Amino acid sequence: MILVLTMAGRYQRFANEGFKVPKYLLPWGDRTVLSVILAELLAGGTFSQVLLVANHRDEAYMPHVRAVMKRHGIPANHLLMTHDTSGQAETAMIGAEACARVLQQPGAPLVFHNIDTVLFKRNFSEMQQALASADGYIDVFRSSNRNYSYVLIDADRRVTEIAEKIVVSDLATSGLYGFASSVVFKEFYRPGEDLYVSAIYKRMITQGRRLLVGQVHHESDTVVLGTPDEYMNAALLML
């Protein structure tokens, strides 16, 4: 299974608050946010390859990113640089294309994750098993925060609806999104139209593709650092 970290955003809210470094290089204890995210995602050894998609705007900080990659055994050429994208979906597409171009594994299960959410107590082998038969997989946790996205599911844990920033249930998405392969992702992605990965899932649901959720996690095991306030509050609570 291949992991793609989408980290090409401009992080404008952090810049407006005076933060000078990219959000993923902010301190988290004696490490950076990027280090902690990677450590949790890679702990179980489920991901065979990792790609990182970053923004040319942050070029000056890439030596720090490459140092983190080296500590986690990620090859330097797995760092992909891009200019500003329209959103996470376009950034994810760059990673999906690299599955064939860089990794030569277009048929491998593919997982995208953002760079501002730390996930604890996840079992990624469950996701890998699900993607052997399903077209997509969404990591969820219980919440009612209106800043998150939400899913509706049926009795078989199949996703029947996904809504961006609308509380349609108590199952919020963490930003960790799985696809059976990069081929499936590219089949349903619409360039210039899709800002969020959820738009791709909506199209898949409409066409009858099978999307699943796994174990429902606690909000305390899903640390969202999307805004300066969330980052500062999480640091006070978690460290």
C-alpha atoms as a PDB file:
ATOM      1  CA  MET A   1       0.000   0.000   0.000  1.00  0.00           C
ATOM      2  CA  ILE A   2       1.306   3.446  -0.964  1.00  0.00           C
ATOM      3  CA  LEU A   3       1.017   6.564   1.217  1.00  0.00           C
ATOM      4  CA  VAL A   4       0.885  10.068  -0.276  1.00  0.00           C
ATOM      5  CA  LEU A   5       1.157  13.107   2.015  1.00  0.00           C
ATOM      6  CA  THR A   6      -0.510  16.161   0.467  1.00  0.00           C
ATOM      7  CA  MET A   7       1.462  19.148   1.795  1.00  0.00           C
ATOM      8  CA  ALA A   8       1.334  21.741  -0.993  1.00  0.00           C
ATOM      9  CA  GLY A   9      -0.999  24.216   0.704  1.00  0.00           C
ATOM     10  CA  ARG A  10      -0.136  27.850   1.414  1.00  0.00           C
ATOM     11  CA  TYR A  11      -1.172  27.683   5.112  1.00  0.00           C
ATOM     12  CA  GLN A  12      -2.387  31.259   4.921  1.00  0.00           C
ATOM     13  CA  ARG A  13      -4.065  31.314   8.324  1.00  0.00           C
ATOM     14  CA  PHE A  14      -0.769  30.411   9.979  1.00  0.00           C
ATOM     15  CA  ALA A  15       1.111  33.025   7.947  1.00  0.00           C
ATOM     16  CA  ASN A  16      -1.461  35.629   8.955  1.00  0.00           C
ATOM     17  CA  GLU A  17      -0.780  34.820  12.611  1.00  0.00           C
ATOM     18  CA  GLY A  18       2.955  35.362  12.150  1.00  0.00           C
ATOM     19  CA  PHE A  19       4.158  31.763  11.785  1.00  0.00           C
ATOM     20  CA  LYS A  20       7.234  31.720   9.541  1.00  0.00           C
ATOM     21  CA  VAL A  21       7.738  28.039   8.726  1.00  0.00           C
ATOM     22  CA  PRO A  22       5.332  25.682   6.923  1.00  0.00           C
ATOM     23  CA  LYS A  23       2.724  24.169   9.199  1.00  0.00           C
ATOM     24  CA  TYR A  24       4.191  20.670   8.918  1.00  0.00           C
ATOM     25  CA  LEU A  25       7.550  21.846  10.322  1.00  0.00           C
ATOM     26  CA  LEU A  26       6.092  23.455  13.442  1.00  0.00           C
ATOM     27  CA  PRO A  27       7.370  21.922  16.689  1.00  0.00           C
ATOM     28  CA  TRP A  28       5.517  19.081  18.352  1.00  0.00           C
ATOM     29  CA  GLY A  29       7.412  18.364  21.540  1.00  0.00           C
ATOM     30  CA  ASP A  30      10.977  17.567  20.524  1.00  0.00           C
ATOM     31  CA  ARG A  31       9.903  16.734  16.957  1.00  0.00           C
ATOM     32  CA  THR A  32       8.023  18.407  14.120  1.00  0.00           C
ATOM     33  CA  VAL A  33       4.403  17.857  13.110  1.00  0.00           C
ATOM     34  CA  LEU A  34       5.651  16.047   9.997  1.00  0.00           C
ATOM     35  CA  SER A  35       7.827  13.715  12.072  1.00  0.00           C
ATOM     36  CA  VAL A  36       4.972  12.782  14.389  1.00  0.00           C
ATOM     37  CA  ILE A  37       2.505  12.218  11.543  1.00  0.00           C
ATOM     38  CA  LEU A  38       4.953   9.954   9.711  1.00  0.00           C
ATOM     39  CA  ALA A  39       5.891   8.058  12.867  1.00  0.00           C
ATOM     40  CA  GLU A  40       2.248   7.193  13.579  1.00  0.00           C
ATOM     41  CA  LEU A  41       1.407   6.294   9.982  1.00  0.00           C
ATOM     42  CA  LEU A  42       4.457   4.104   9.450  1.00  0.00           C
ATOM     43  CA  ALA A  43       4.550   2.383  12.847  1.00  0.00           C
ATOM     44  CA  GLY A  44       2.793  -0.793  11.695  1.00  0.00           C
ATOM     45  CA  GLY A  45       4.826  -1.260   8.520  1.00  0.00           C
ATOM     46  CA  THR A  46       1.717  -1.404   6.326  1.00  0.00           C
ATOM     47  CA  PHE A  47       2.890   1.196   3.812  1.00  0.00           C
ATOM     48  CA  SER A  48       5.528  -0.089   1.423  1.00  0.00           C
ATOM     49  CA  GLN A  49       6.198   3.293  -0.225  1.00  0.00           C
ATOM     50  CA  VAL A  50       5.718   6.931   0.769  1.00  0.00           C
ATOM     51  CA  LEU A  51       5.442  10.001  -1.480  1.00  0.00           C
ATOM     52  CA  LEU A  52       5.344  13.612  -0.288  1.00  0.00           C
ATOM     53  CA  VAL A  53       3.929  16.403  -2.464  1.00  0.00           C
ATOM     54  CA  ALA A  54       5.152  19.853  -1.371  1.00  0.00           C
ATOM     55  CA  ASN A  55       4.981  23.406  -2.721  1.00  0.00           C
ATOM     56  CA  HIS A  56       7.852  25.194  -4.482  1.00  0.00           C
ATOM     57  CA  ARG A  57       7.051  28.152  -2.222  1.00  0.00           C
ATOM     58  CA  ASP A  58       8.581  26.122   0.615  1.00  0.00           C
ATOM     59  CA  GLU A  59      11.747  25.164  -1.285  1.00  0.00           C
ATOM     60  CA  ALA A  60      13.993  26.739   1.366  1.00  0.00           C
ATOM     61  CA  TYR A  61      12.627  24.300   3.957  1.00  0.00           C
ATOM     62  CA  MET A  62      13.088  21.125   1.930  1.00  0.00           C
ATOM     63  CA  PRO A  63      16.449  20.211   3.533  1.00  0.00           C
ATOM     64  CA  HIS A  64      14.521  19.804   6.802  1.00  0.00           C
ATOM     65  CA  VAL A  65      11.861  17.709   5.068  1.00  0.00           C
ATOM     66  CA  ARG A  66      14.512  15.500   3.449  1.00  0.00           C
ATOM     67  CA  ALA A  67      16.151  15.006   6.846  1.00  0.00           C
ATOM     68  CA  VAL A  68      12.836  13.771   8.260  1.00  0.00           C
ATOM     69  CA  MET A  69      12.383  11.519   5.233  1.00  0.00           C
ATOM     70  CA  LYS A  70      15.852  10.057   5.703  1.00  0.00           C
ATOM     71  CA  ARG A  71      15.109   9.206   9.332  1.00  0.00           C
ATOM     72  CA  HIS A  72      12.047   7.280   8.180  1.00  0.00           C
ATOM     73  CA  GLY A  73      13.839   5.522   5.324  1.00  0.00           C
ATOM     74  CA  ILE A  74      12.025   7.419   2.562  1.00  0.00           C
ATOM     75  CA  PRO A  75      14.120   7.959  -0.601  1.00  0.00           C
ATOM     76  CA  ALA A  76      14.899  11.569  -1.514  1.00  0.00           C
ATOM     77  CA  ASN A  77      13.307  11.245  -4.965  1.00  0.00           C
ATOM     78  CA  HIS A  78       9.958  10.501  -3.307  1.00  0.00           C
ATOM     79  CA  LEU A  79       9.632  14.225  -2.535  1.00  0.00           C
ATOM     80  CA  LEU A  80       7.621  15.803  -5.357  1.00  0.00           C
ATOM     81  CA  MET A  81       7.505  19.585  -5.808  1.00  0.00           C
ATOM     82  CA  THR A  82       4.618  21.482  -7.371  1.00  0.00           C
ATOM     83  CA  HIS A  83       3.356  25.017  -7.751  1.00  0.00           C
ATOM     84  CA  ASP A  84       0.113  26.163  -6.121  1.00  0.00           C
ATOM     85  CA  THR A  85      -2.728  23.701  -6.648  1.00  0.00           C
ATOM     86  CA  SER A  86      -6.469  24.310  -6.514  1.00  0.00           C
ATOM     87  CA  GLY A  87      -6.841  22.028  -3.497  1.00  0.00           C
ATOM     88  CA  GLN A  88      -6.088  18.643  -1.969  1.00  0.00           C
ATOM     89  CA  ALA A  89      -7.604  16.743  -4.894  1.00  0.00           C
ATOM     90  CA  GLU A  90      -5.198  18.269  -7.424  1.00  0.00           C
ATOM     91  CA  THR A  91      -2.268  17.693  -5.069  1.00  0.00           C
ATOM     92  CA  ALA A  92      -3.393  14.087  -4.635  1.00  0.00           C
ATOM     93  CA  MET A  93      -3.501  13.679  -8.407  1.00  0.00           C
ATOM     94  CA  ILE A  94       0.211  14.545  -8.582  1.00  0.00           C
ATOM     95  CA  GLY A  95       0.859  11.723  -6.130  1.00  0.00           C
ATOM     96  CA  ALA A  96      -1.394   9.338  -8.050  1.00  0.00           C
ATOM     97  CA  GLU A  97       0.504  10.011 -11.277  1.00  0.00           C
ATOM     98  CA  ALA A  98       3.800   9.400  -9.466  1.00  0.00           C
ATOM     99  CA  CYS A  99       2.642   5.914  -8.490  1.00  0.00           C
ATOM    100  CA  ALA A 100       3.201   4.936 -12.108  1.00  0.00           C
ATOM    101  CA  ARG A 101       6.002   7.335 -13.064  1.00  0.00           C
ATOM    102  CA  VAL A 102       8.214   7.109  -9.959  1.00  0.00           C
ATOM    103  CA  LEU A 103       7.140   3.897  -8.225  1.00  0.00           C
ATOM    104  CA  GLN A 104       5.900   1.957 -11.266  1.00  0.00           C
ATOM    105  CA  GLN A 105       3.019   0.617  -9.160  1.00  0.00           C
ATOM    106  CA  PRO A 106      -0.185   2.038 -10.690  1.00  0.00           C
ATOM    107  CA  GLY A 107      -2.247  -0.895  -9.404  1.00  0.00           C
ATOM    108  CA  ALA A 108      -1.237  -0.720  -5.739  1.00  0.00           C
ATOM    109  CA  PRO A 109      -3.722   0.440  -3.076  1.00  0.00           C
ATOM    110  CA  LEU A 110      -3.257   4.160  -2.506  1.00  0.00           C
ATOM    111  CA  VAL A 111      -3.836   6.276   0.617  1.00  0.00           C
ATOM    112  CA  PHE A 112      -3.805  10.077   0.858  1.00  0.00           C
ATOM    113  CA  HIS A 113      -3.405  12.040   4.064  1.00  0.00           C
ATOM    114  CA  ASN A 114      -3.171  15.737   4.821  1.00  0.00           C
ATOM    115  CA  ILE A 115      -0.337  17.227   6.804  1.00  0.00           C
ATOM    116  CA  ASP A 116      -2.233  18.793   9.676  1.00  0.00           C
ATOM    117  CA  THR A 117      -3.862  15.814  11.395  1.00  0.00           C
ATOM    118  CA  VAL A 118      -2.084  13.357  13.700  1.00  0.00           C
ATOM    119  CA  LEU A 119      -3.757   9.949  13.849  1.00  0.00           C
ATOM    120  CA  PHE A 120      -3.274   7.680  16.852  1.00  0.00           C
ATOM    121  CA  LYS A 121      -4.341   4.051  17.430  1.00  0.00           C
ATOM    122  CA  ARG A 122      -5.038   3.280  13.759  1.00  0.00           C
ATOM    123  CA  ASN A 123      -4.881  -0.202  12.253  1.00  0.00           C
ATOM    124  CA  PHE A 124      -3.823   0.358   8.651  1.00  0.00           C
ATOM    125  CA  SER A 125      -3.787  -3.341   7.859  1.00  0.00           C
ATOM    126  CA  GLU A 126      -7.581  -3.165   8.189  1.00  0.00           C
ATOM    127  CA  MET A 127      -7.608  -0.498   5.474  1.00  0.00           C
ATOM    128  CA  GLN A 128      -5.355  -2.607   3.280  1.00  0.00           C
ATOM    129  CA  GLN A 129      -7.653  -5.607   3.632  1.00  0.00           C
ATOM    130  CA  ALA A 130     -10.717  -3.497   2.853  1.00  0.00           C
ATOM    131  CA  LEU A 131      -9.154  -2.039  -0.288  1.00  0.00           C
ATOM    132  CA  ALA A 132      -8.575  -5.553  -1.631  1.00  0.00           C
ATOM    133  CA  SER A 133     -12.315  -5.689  -2.376  1.00  0.00           C
ATOM    134  CA  ALA A 134     -13.603  -2.102  -2.046  1.00  0.00           C
ATOM    135  CA  ASP A 135     -12.960   0.877  -4.324  1.00  0.00           C
ATOM    136  CA  GLY A 136     -12.406   3.316  -1.475  1.00  0.00           C
ATOM    137  CA  TYR A 137     -11.945   3.584   2.298  1.00  0.00           C
ATOM    138  CA  ILE A 138     -12.468   6.564   4.592  1.00  0.00           C
ATOM    139  CA  ASP A 139     -10.999   6.910   8.087  1.00  0.00           C
ATOM    140  CA  VAL A 140     -13.609   8.327  10.497  1.00  0.00           C
ATOM    141  CA  PHE A 141     -13.955   9.507  14.082  1.00  0.00           C
ATOM    142  CA  ARG A 142     -16.839  10.748  16.207  1.00  0.00           C
ATOM    143  CA  SER A 143     -17.340  14.492  16.252  1.00  0.00           C
ATOM    144  CA  SER A 144     -19.842  17.312  15.785  1.00  0.00           C
ATOM    145  CA  ASN A 145     -17.378  20.036  14.784  1.00  0.00           C
ATOM    146  CA  ARG A 146     -18.765  21.985  11.816  1.00  0.00           C
ATOM    147  CA  ASN A 147     -15.262  22.520  10.396  1.00  0.00           C
ATOM    148  CA  TYR A 148     -14.945  18.840   9.461  1.00  0.00           C
ATOM    149  CA  SER A 149     -16.480  16.694   6.732  1.00  0.00           C
ATOM    150  CA  TYR A 150     -18.892  13.857   7.455  1.00  0.00           C
ATOM    151  CA  VAL A 151     -20.219  10.600   6.021  1.00  0.00           C
ATOM    152  CA  LEU A 152     -23.428   8.609   6.166  1.00  0.00           C
ATOM    153  CA  ILE A 153     -23.114   4.822   6.141  1.00  0.00           C
ATOM    154  CA  ASP A 154     -25.456   1.840   5.907  1.00  0.00           C
ATOM    155  CA  ALA A 155     -25.594  -1.290   8.075  1.00  0.00           C
ATOM    156  CA  ASP A 156     -22.689  -2.814   6.135  1.00  0.00           C
ATOM    157  CA  ARG A 157     -20.426   0.220   6.834  1.00  0.00           C
ATOM    158  CA  ARG A 158     -20.737   1.259   3.211  1.00  0.00           C
ATOM    159  CA  VAL A 159     -20.606   5.015   2.594  1.00  0.00           C
ATOM    160  CA  THR A 160     -23.854   6.345   1.125  1.00  0.00           C
ATOM    161  CA  GLU A 161     -23.053  10.060   1.350  1.00  0.00           C
ATOM    162  CA  ILE A 162     -20.096  12.344   2.058  1.00  0.00           C
ATOM    163  CA  ALA A 163     -20.530  16.048   2.821  1.00  0.00           C
ATOM    164  CA  GLU A 164     -17.834  18.714   3.010  1.00  0.00           C
ATOM    165  CA  LYS A 165     -18.199  20.901   6.160  1.00  0.00           C
ATOM    166  CA  ILE A 166     -21.778  19.727   6.775  1.00  0.00           C
ATOM    167  CA  VAL A 167     -22.662  17.669   9.874  1.00  0.00           C
ATOM    168  CA  VAL A 168     -24.850  14.948   8.335  1.00  0.00           C
ATOM    169  CA  SER A 169     -23.923  12.388  11.034  1.00  0.00           C
ATOM    170  CA  ASP A 170     -21.518  11.990  13.932  1.00  0.00           C
ATOM    171  CA  LEU A 171     -18.890  10.315  11.701  1.00  0.00           C
ATOM    172  CA  ALA A 172     -16.293  12.892  10.714  1.00  0.00           C
ATOM    173  CA  THR A 173     -13.561  12.213   8.176  1.00  0.00           C
ATOM    174  CA  SER A 174      -9.989  12.559   9.407  1.00  0.00           C
ATOM    175  CA  GLY A 175      -8.506  13.398   6.001  1.00  0.00           C
ATOM    176  CA  LEU A 176      -7.084   9.890   5.499  1.00  0.00           C
ATOM    177  CA  TYR A 177      -8.583   8.634   2.238  1.00  0.00           C
ATOM    178  CA  GLY A 178      -7.963   5.277   0.545  1.00  0.00           C
ATOM    179  CA  PHE A 179      -8.446   4.134  -3.053  1.00  0.00           C
ATOM    180  CA  ALA A 180      -8.115   0.659  -4.534  1.00  0.00           C
ATOM    181  CA  SER A 181      -5.416   2.029  -6.863  1.00  0.00           C
ATOM    182  CA  SER A 182      -4.185   5.192  -8.547  1.00  0.00           C
ATOM    183  CA  VAL A 183      -6.054   3.941 -11.630  1.00  0.00           C
ATOM    184  CA  VAL A 184      -9.364   4.162  -9.732  1.00  0.00           C
ATOM    185  CA  PHE A 185      -8.514   7.614  -8.393  1.00  0.00           C
ATOM    186  CA  LYS A 186      -7.630   8.958 -11.839  1.00  0.00           C
ATOM    187  CA  GLU A 187     -10.770   7.444 -13.364  1.00  0.00           C
ATOM    188  CA  PHE A 188     -13.012   9.567 -11.150  1.00  0.00           C
ATOM    189  CA  TYR A 189     -10.906  12.717 -10.713  1.00  0.00           C
ATOM    190  CA  ARG A 190     -11.989  15.747 -12.770  1.00  0.00           C
ATOM    191  CA  PRO A 191      -9.189  18.296 -13.345  1.00  0.00           C
ATOM    192  CA  GLY A 192     -10.206  21.895 -12.798  1.00  0.00           C
ATOM    193  CA  GLU A 193     -13.410  20.764 -11.104  1.00  0.00           C
ATOM    194  CA  ASP A 194     -12.494  18.834  -7.947  1.00  0.00           C
ATOM    195  CA  LEU A 195     -11.093  20.805  -5.007  1.00  0.00           C
ATOM    196  CA  TYR A 196     -11.610  18.155  -2.343  1.00  0.00           C
ATOM    197  CA  VAL A 197     -11.130  14.394  -2.406  1.00  0.00           C
ATOM    198  CA  SER A 198     -14.723  14.161  -1.196  1.00  0.00           C
ATOM    199  CA  ALA A 199     -15.856  15.344  -4.659  1.00  0.00           C
ATOM    200  CA  ILE A 200     -14.225  12.261  -6.163  1.00  0.00           C
ATOM    201  CA  TYR A 201     -15.946  10.011  -3.639  1.00  0.00           C
ATOM    202  CA  LYS A 202     -19.314  11.621  -4.397  1.00  0.00           C
ATOM    203  CA  ARG A 203     -18.887  10.714  -8.052  1.00  0.00           C
ATOM    204  CA  MET A 204     -17.923   7.151  -7.103  1.00  0.00           C
ATOM    205  CA  ILE A 205     -20.978   6.798  -4.856  1.00  0.00           C
ATOM    206  CA  THR A 206     -23.245   8.030  -7.655  1.00  0.00           C
ATOM    207  CA  GLN A 207     -21.822   5.358  -9.960  1.00  0.00           C
ATOM    208  CA  GLY A 208     -22.308   2.584  -7.421  1.00  0.00           C
ATOM    209  CA  ARG A 209     -18.707   2.076  -6.384  1.00  0.00           C
ATOM    210  CA  ARG A 210     -18.128   0.497  -2.969  1.00  0.00           C
ATOM    211  CA  LEU A 211     -16.674   2.814  -0.314  1.00  0.00           C
ATOM    212  CA  LEU A 212     -16.199   1.621   3.261  1.00  0.00           C
ATOM    213  CA  VAL A 213     -15.375   3.005   6.668  1.00  0.00           C
ATOM    214  CA  GLY A 214     -13.505   0.983   9.235  1.00  0.00           C
ATOM    215  CA  GLN A 215     -13.324   1.266  12.989  1.00  0.00           C
ATOM    216  CA  VAL A 216     -14.818   4.474  14.373  1.00  0.00           C
ATOM    217  CA  HIS A 217     -12.156   6.293  16.364  1.00  0.00           C
ATOM    218  CA  HIS A 218     -12.329   8.691  19.275  1.00  0.00           C
ATOM    219  CA  GLU A 219     -11.888  12.399  18.682  1.00  0.00           C
ATOM    220  CA  SER A 220      -9.045  12.384  21.224  1.00  0.00           C
ATOM    221  CA  ASP A 221      -7.104  10.034  18.912  1.00  0.00           C
ATOM    222  CA  THR A 222      -7.533  12.398  15.952  1.00  0.00           C
ATOM    223  CA  VAL A 223      -5.562  15.572  16.579  1.00  0.00           C
ATOM    224  CA  VAL A 224      -6.493  18.223  14.017  1.00  0.00           C
ATOM    225  CA  LEU A 225      -4.002  21.084  13.622  1.00  0.00           C
ATOM    226  CA  GLY A 226      -5.697  22.918  10.792  1.00  0.00           C
ATOM    227  CA  THR A 227      -5.731  26.390  12.367  1.00  0.00           C
ATOM    228  CA  PRO A 228      -3.337  28.268  14.673  1.00  0.00           C
ATOM    229  CA  ASP A 229      -5.854  27.963  17.531  1.00  0.00           C
ATOM    230  CA  GLU A 230      -6.190  24.200  17.018  1.00  0.00           C
ATOM    231  CA  TYR A 231      -2.410  23.841  16.946  1.00  0.00           C
ATOM    232  CA  MET A 232      -1.865  25.848  20.133  1.00  0.00           C
ATOM    233  CA  ASN A 233      -4.752  24.193  22.004  1.00  0.00           C
ATOM    234  CA  ALA A 234      -3.622  20.698  20.977  1.00  0.00           C
ATOM    235  CA  ALA A 235      -0.089  21.438  22.123  1.00  0.00           C
ATOM    236  CA  LEU A 236      -1.386  22.459  25.544  1.00  0.00           C
ATOM    237  CA  LEU A 237      -3.557  19.357  25.864  1.00  0.00           C
ATOM    238  CA  MET A 238      -1.321  16.691  24.368  1.00  0.00           C
ATOM    239  CA  LEU A 239       2.221  17.569  25.434  1.00  0.00           C
END
